[in-house]
Amino acid sequence: YNLFLDDDRQPIMCRMFDGDGSPYETEKWEIVRSYDDFYHCIKNLGIPKLVSFDYQLNREKDGLDCARLLKFFCDDENKPIPEYYVHSSWTGIYGKFKEILG
């Protein structure tokens, strides 16, 4: 499954961040709006094959906290980090996700 983290947007709204819109237009997504939703989704469905992160979630925890959680789950289950995108409009934030997830 594909996991989309954003407190406001739908995947189709992020196509401008990916150029031609793929996979935001072509893939089915599980949409989560918060850290807690992100945790429960992975706990119940397992490690996704693709994750798209927003950075700012308008809550105490942000997208980087979710990236750390994903890394914890992957390390704990001895699985590789899935493919991921960062669809945040915050410039330079991709590097922080890369520091966590590689």
N, C-alpha and C. Protein backbone atom coordinates (compact mmCIF):
# COMPACT_ATOMS: atom_id res chain seq x y z
N TYR A 1 0.84 -1.19 0.00
CA TYR A 1 0.00 0.00 0.00
C TYR A 1 0.88 1.24 0.00
N ASN A 2 0.27 2.38 -0.35
CA ASN A 2 0.94 3.68 -0.36
C ASN A 2 0.35 4.53 0.76
N LEU A 3 1.20 5.26 1.45
CA LEU A 3 0.78 6.04 2.61
C LEU A 3 1.05 7.52 2.37
N PHE A 4 0.01 8.33 2.50
CA PHE A 4 0.08 9.77 2.25
C PHE A 4 -0.19 10.50 3.56
N LEU A 5 0.82 11.25 4.04
CA LEU A 5 0.71 12.00 5.28
C LEU A 5 0.56 13.49 4.98
N ASP A 6 -0.58 14.05 5.33
CA ASP A 6 -0.81 15.48 5.17
C ASP A 6 -2.04 15.85 5.98
N ASP A 7 -1.97 16.92 6.74
CA ASP A 7 -3.10 17.30 7.58
C ASP A 7 -4.22 17.98 6.81
N ASP A 8 -3.98 18.32 5.55
CA ASP A 8 -4.98 19.08 4.81
C ASP A 8 -5.22 18.59 3.38
N ARG A 9 -4.15 18.36 2.64
CA ARG A 9 -4.26 18.08 1.20
C ARG A 9 -4.63 16.63 0.90
N GLN A 10 -5.14 16.47 -0.31
CA GLN A 10 -5.36 15.16 -0.91
C GLN A 10 -4.18 14.88 -1.85
N PRO A 11 -3.88 13.63 -2.15
CA PRO A 11 -2.75 13.33 -3.04
C PRO A 11 -2.80 14.07 -4.37
N ILE A 12 -3.95 14.17 -4.98
CA ILE A 12 -4.06 14.83 -6.29
C ILE A 12 -3.59 16.28 -6.23
N MET A 13 -3.69 16.91 -5.07
CA MET A 13 -3.27 18.30 -4.91
C MET A 13 -1.76 18.46 -4.91
N CYS A 14 -1.03 17.37 -4.81
CA CYS A 14 0.43 17.43 -4.74
C CYS A 14 1.11 17.16 -6.07
N ARG A 15 0.34 16.96 -7.10
CA ARG A 15 0.94 16.63 -8.38
C ARG A 15 1.92 17.69 -8.87
N MET A 16 1.71 18.96 -8.50
CA MET A 16 2.64 20.00 -8.94
C MET A 16 4.02 19.82 -8.33
N PHE A 17 4.12 19.14 -7.20
CA PHE A 17 5.41 18.90 -6.57
C PHE A 17 6.15 17.76 -7.25
N ASP A 18 5.46 17.00 -8.09
CA ASP A 18 6.06 15.85 -8.73
C ASP A 18 6.10 16.00 -10.25
N GLY A 19 5.82 17.19 -10.74
CA GLY A 19 5.89 17.40 -12.18
C GLY A 19 4.63 16.93 -12.90
N ASP A 20 4.63 15.69 -13.36
CA ASP A 20 3.53 15.20 -14.19
C ASP A 20 2.36 14.63 -13.38
N GLY A 21 2.47 14.64 -12.07
CA GLY A 21 1.37 14.15 -11.25
C GLY A 21 1.45 12.70 -10.86
N SER A 22 2.28 11.95 -11.49
CA SER A 22 2.42 10.54 -11.16
C SER A 22 3.38 10.40 -10.00
N PRO A 23 3.12 9.63 -9.01
CA PRO A 23 2.02 8.68 -8.78
C PRO A 23 0.83 9.27 -8.05
N TYR A 24 0.83 10.57 -7.79
CA TYR A 24 -0.29 11.16 -7.05
C TYR A 24 -1.62 11.00 -7.76
N GLU A 25 -1.60 10.89 -9.06
CA GLU A 25 -2.83 10.69 -9.82
C GLU A 25 -3.09 9.22 -10.12
N THR A 26 -2.06 8.41 -10.18
CA THR A 26 -2.21 7.03 -10.67
C THR A 26 -2.29 5.98 -9.58
N GLU A 27 -1.85 6.29 -8.37
CA GLU A 27 -1.81 5.31 -7.29
C GLU A 27 -2.95 5.51 -6.30
N LYS A 28 -3.33 4.43 -5.64
CA LYS A 28 -4.29 4.49 -4.55
C LYS A 28 -3.50 4.77 -3.26
N TRP A 29 -4.03 5.61 -2.38
CA TRP A 29 -3.32 6.02 -1.17
C TRP A 29 -4.17 5.80 0.07
N GLU A 30 -3.52 5.36 1.13
CA GLU A 30 -4.08 5.45 2.47
C GLU A 30 -3.71 6.84 2.96
N ILE A 31 -4.69 7.64 3.34
CA ILE A 31 -4.44 9.03 3.73
C ILE A 31 -4.53 9.13 5.25
N VAL A 32 -3.47 9.69 5.85
CA VAL A 32 -3.45 9.92 7.29
C VAL A 32 -3.16 11.40 7.53
N ARG A 33 -3.70 11.92 8.62
CA ARG A 33 -3.66 13.36 8.89
C ARG A 33 -2.78 13.75 10.08
N SER A 34 -2.26 12.78 10.83
CA SER A 34 -1.51 13.10 12.04
C SER A 34 -0.50 11.99 12.34
N TYR A 35 0.37 12.28 13.29
CA TYR A 35 1.34 11.29 13.77
C TYR A 35 0.61 10.05 14.28
N ASP A 36 -0.42 10.26 15.09
CA ASP A 36 -1.16 9.12 15.64
C ASP A 36 -1.79 8.27 14.54
N ASP A 37 -2.37 8.92 13.53
CA ASP A 37 -2.93 8.18 12.40
C ASP A 37 -1.85 7.40 11.66
N PHE A 38 -0.69 8.05 11.48
CA PHE A 38 0.46 7.43 10.81
C PHE A 38 0.89 6.17 11.57
N TYR A 39 1.02 6.30 12.89
CA TYR A 39 1.40 5.17 13.74
C TYR A 39 0.40 4.02 13.59
N HIS A 40 -0.86 4.33 13.74
CA HIS A 40 -1.88 3.26 13.69
C HIS A 40 -1.96 2.60 12.32
N CYS A 41 -1.77 3.37 11.27
CA CYS A 41 -1.80 2.80 9.93
C CYS A 41 -0.67 1.79 9.75
N ILE A 42 0.54 2.16 10.13
CA ILE A 42 1.68 1.24 9.99
C ILE A 42 1.53 0.06 10.94
N LYS A 43 1.07 0.31 12.13
CA LYS A 43 0.87 -0.78 13.11
C LYS A 43 -0.13 -1.81 12.58
N ASN A 44 -1.19 -1.33 11.91
CA ASN A 44 -2.23 -2.23 11.43
C ASN A 44 -1.96 -2.82 10.05
N LEU A 45 -1.31 -2.06 9.16
CA LEU A 45 -1.13 -2.51 7.77
C LEU A 45 0.31 -2.90 7.44
N GLY A 46 1.25 -2.60 8.33
CA GLY A 46 2.64 -2.92 8.07
C GLY A 46 3.36 -1.79 7.35
N ILE A 47 4.59 -2.07 6.96
CA ILE A 47 5.42 -1.08 6.27
C ILE A 47 4.86 -0.84 4.86
N PRO A 48 4.61 0.41 4.50
CA PRO A 48 4.09 0.68 3.15
C PRO A 48 5.18 0.52 2.09
N LYS A 49 4.77 0.43 0.82
CA LYS A 49 5.76 0.37 -0.26
C LYS A 49 6.20 1.76 -0.67
N LEU A 50 5.36 2.77 -0.42
CA LEU A 50 5.65 4.16 -0.78
C LEU A 50 5.01 5.08 0.25
N VAL A 51 5.76 6.11 0.67
CA VAL A 51 5.24 7.10 1.61
C VAL A 51 5.45 8.49 1.02
N SER A 52 4.46 9.34 1.14
CA SER A 52 4.60 10.75 0.77
C SER A 52 4.36 11.58 2.03
N PHE A 53 5.39 12.34 2.42
CA PHE A 53 5.37 13.10 3.66
C PHE A 53 5.10 14.58 3.43
N ASP A 54 4.25 15.15 4.27
CA ASP A 54 4.22 16.59 4.45
C ASP A 54 5.05 16.87 5.70
N TYR A 55 5.59 18.06 5.80
CA TYR A 55 6.40 18.39 6.97
C TYR A 55 5.54 18.96 8.10
N GLN A 56 4.84 20.04 7.83
CA GLN A 56 4.09 20.73 8.87
C GLN A 56 2.69 20.14 8.98
N LEU A 57 2.36 19.64 10.17
CA LEU A 57 1.08 18.97 10.37
C LEU A 57 0.13 19.74 11.28
N ASN A 58 0.49 20.95 11.70
CA ASN A 58 -0.35 21.77 12.58
C ASN A 58 -0.70 21.06 13.89
N ARG A 59 0.23 20.28 14.36
CA ARG A 59 0.07 19.59 15.65
C ARG A 59 1.42 19.57 16.34
N GLU A 60 1.49 18.92 17.49
CA GLU A 60 2.76 18.85 18.23
C GLU A 60 3.84 18.13 17.43
N LYS A 61 3.47 17.06 16.77
CA LYS A 61 4.45 16.27 16.01
C LYS A 61 4.33 16.60 14.54
N ASP A 62 5.46 16.49 13.83
CA ASP A 62 5.47 16.85 12.41
C ASP A 62 5.89 15.67 11.55
N GLY A 63 6.08 15.93 10.28
CA GLY A 63 6.46 14.88 9.35
C GLY A 63 7.79 14.24 9.68
N LEU A 64 8.72 15.00 10.24
CA LEU A 64 10.01 14.41 10.63
C LEU A 64 9.84 13.39 11.76
N ASP A 65 8.92 13.67 12.68
CA ASP A 65 8.62 12.69 13.73
C ASP A 65 8.06 11.41 13.12
N CYS A 66 7.24 11.55 12.10
CA CYS A 66 6.69 10.38 11.41
C CYS A 66 7.80 9.62 10.68
N ALA A 67 8.75 10.34 10.10
CA ALA A 67 9.89 9.69 9.44
C ALA A 67 10.70 8.89 10.45
N ARG A 68 10.92 9.45 11.62
CA ARG A 68 11.65 8.73 12.68
C ARG A 68 10.89 7.47 13.09
N LEU A 69 9.57 7.59 13.19
CA LEU A 69 8.74 6.43 13.53
C LEU A 69 8.83 5.36 12.46
N LEU A 70 8.77 5.75 11.20
CA LEU A 70 8.90 4.79 10.10
C LEU A 70 10.25 4.09 10.19
N LYS A 71 11.31 4.85 10.44
CA LYS A 71 12.65 4.25 10.56
C LYS A 71 12.68 3.24 11.70
N PHE A 72 12.06 3.58 12.83
CA PHE A 72 12.00 2.66 13.96
C PHE A 72 11.30 1.36 13.57
N PHE A 73 10.14 1.47 12.93
CA PHE A 73 9.41 0.27 12.50
C PHE A 73 10.25 -0.57 11.54
N CYS A 74 10.91 0.08 10.58
CA CYS A 74 11.73 -0.66 9.61
C CYS A 74 12.90 -1.35 10.29
N ASP A 75 13.58 -0.65 11.18
CA ASP A 75 14.69 -1.25 11.92
C ASP A 75 14.21 -2.41 12.78
N ASP A 76 13.09 -2.20 13.46
CA ASP A 76 12.55 -3.21 14.36
C ASP A 76 12.15 -4.48 13.61
N GLU A 77 11.63 -4.32 12.39
CA GLU A 77 11.19 -5.47 11.59
C GLU A 77 12.26 -5.92 10.60
N ASN A 78 13.44 -5.29 10.66
CA ASN A 78 14.56 -5.63 9.78
C ASN A 78 14.13 -5.55 8.31
N LYS A 79 13.45 -4.44 7.97
CA LYS A 79 12.99 -4.21 6.60
C LYS A 79 13.62 -2.92 6.08
N PRO A 80 13.80 -2.83 4.78
CA PRO A 80 14.38 -1.60 4.22
C PRO A 80 13.39 -0.43 4.29
N ILE A 81 13.93 0.77 4.29
CA ILE A 81 13.10 1.97 4.22
C ILE A 81 12.39 1.97 2.87
N PRO A 82 11.09 2.19 2.86
CA PRO A 82 10.39 2.21 1.57
C PRO A 82 10.73 3.46 0.77
N GLU A 83 10.38 3.43 -0.49
CA GLU A 83 10.51 4.62 -1.32
C GLU A 83 9.68 5.73 -0.68
N TYR A 84 10.17 6.96 -0.75
CA TYR A 84 9.41 8.06 -0.15
C TYR A 84 9.57 9.34 -0.95
N TYR A 85 8.55 10.19 -0.82
CA TYR A 85 8.55 11.54 -1.37
C TYR A 85 8.31 12.51 -0.23
N VAL A 86 8.75 13.73 -0.41
CA VAL A 86 8.42 14.81 0.50
C VAL A 86 7.69 15.86 -0.33
N HIS A 87 6.42 16.05 -0.07
CA HIS A 87 5.63 16.98 -0.87
C HIS A 87 5.41 18.31 -0.15
N SER A 88 6.21 18.59 0.85
CA SER A 88 6.11 19.85 1.59
C SER A 88 6.62 21.01 0.74
N SER A 89 6.03 22.16 0.95
CA SER A 89 6.49 23.37 0.26
C SER A 89 7.62 24.07 1.03
N TRP A 90 8.00 23.53 2.18
CA TRP A 90 9.11 24.09 2.95
C TRP A 90 10.41 23.80 2.22
N THR A 91 11.09 24.82 1.77
CA THR A 91 12.34 24.63 1.04
C THR A 91 13.41 24.08 1.97
N GLY A 92 14.16 23.15 1.46
CA GLY A 92 15.27 22.58 2.21
C GLY A 92 14.91 21.47 3.18
N ILE A 93 13.63 21.19 3.35
CA ILE A 93 13.24 20.18 4.35
C ILE A 93 13.54 18.76 3.88
N TYR A 94 13.62 18.55 2.57
CA TYR A 94 13.90 17.20 2.07
C TYR A 94 15.20 16.66 2.67
N GLY A 95 16.20 17.52 2.83
CA GLY A 95 17.48 17.08 3.39
C GLY A 95 17.34 16.53 4.80
N LYS A 96 16.44 17.09 5.57
CA LYS A 96 16.22 16.58 6.94
C LYS A 96 15.57 15.21 6.92
N PHE A 97 14.64 14.99 5.97
CA PHE A 97 14.06 13.66 5.82
C PHE A 97 15.14 12.67 5.38
N LYS A 98 15.99 13.11 4.47
CA LYS A 98 17.07 12.25 3.97
C LYS A 98 18.03 11.87 5.10
N GLU A 99 18.31 12.78 6.02
CA GLU A 99 19.17 12.47 7.17
C GLU A 99 18.60 11.34 8.00
N ILE A 100 17.28 11.31 8.12
CA ILE A 100 16.61 10.29 8.94
C ILE A 100 16.46 8.98 8.18
N LEU A 101 16.01 9.07 6.93
CA LEU A 101 15.63 7.87 6.18
C LEU A 101 16.69 7.39 5.20
N GLY A 102 17.63 8.24 4.90
CA GLY A 102 18.68 7.86 3.94
C GLY A 102 18.30 8.14 2.52
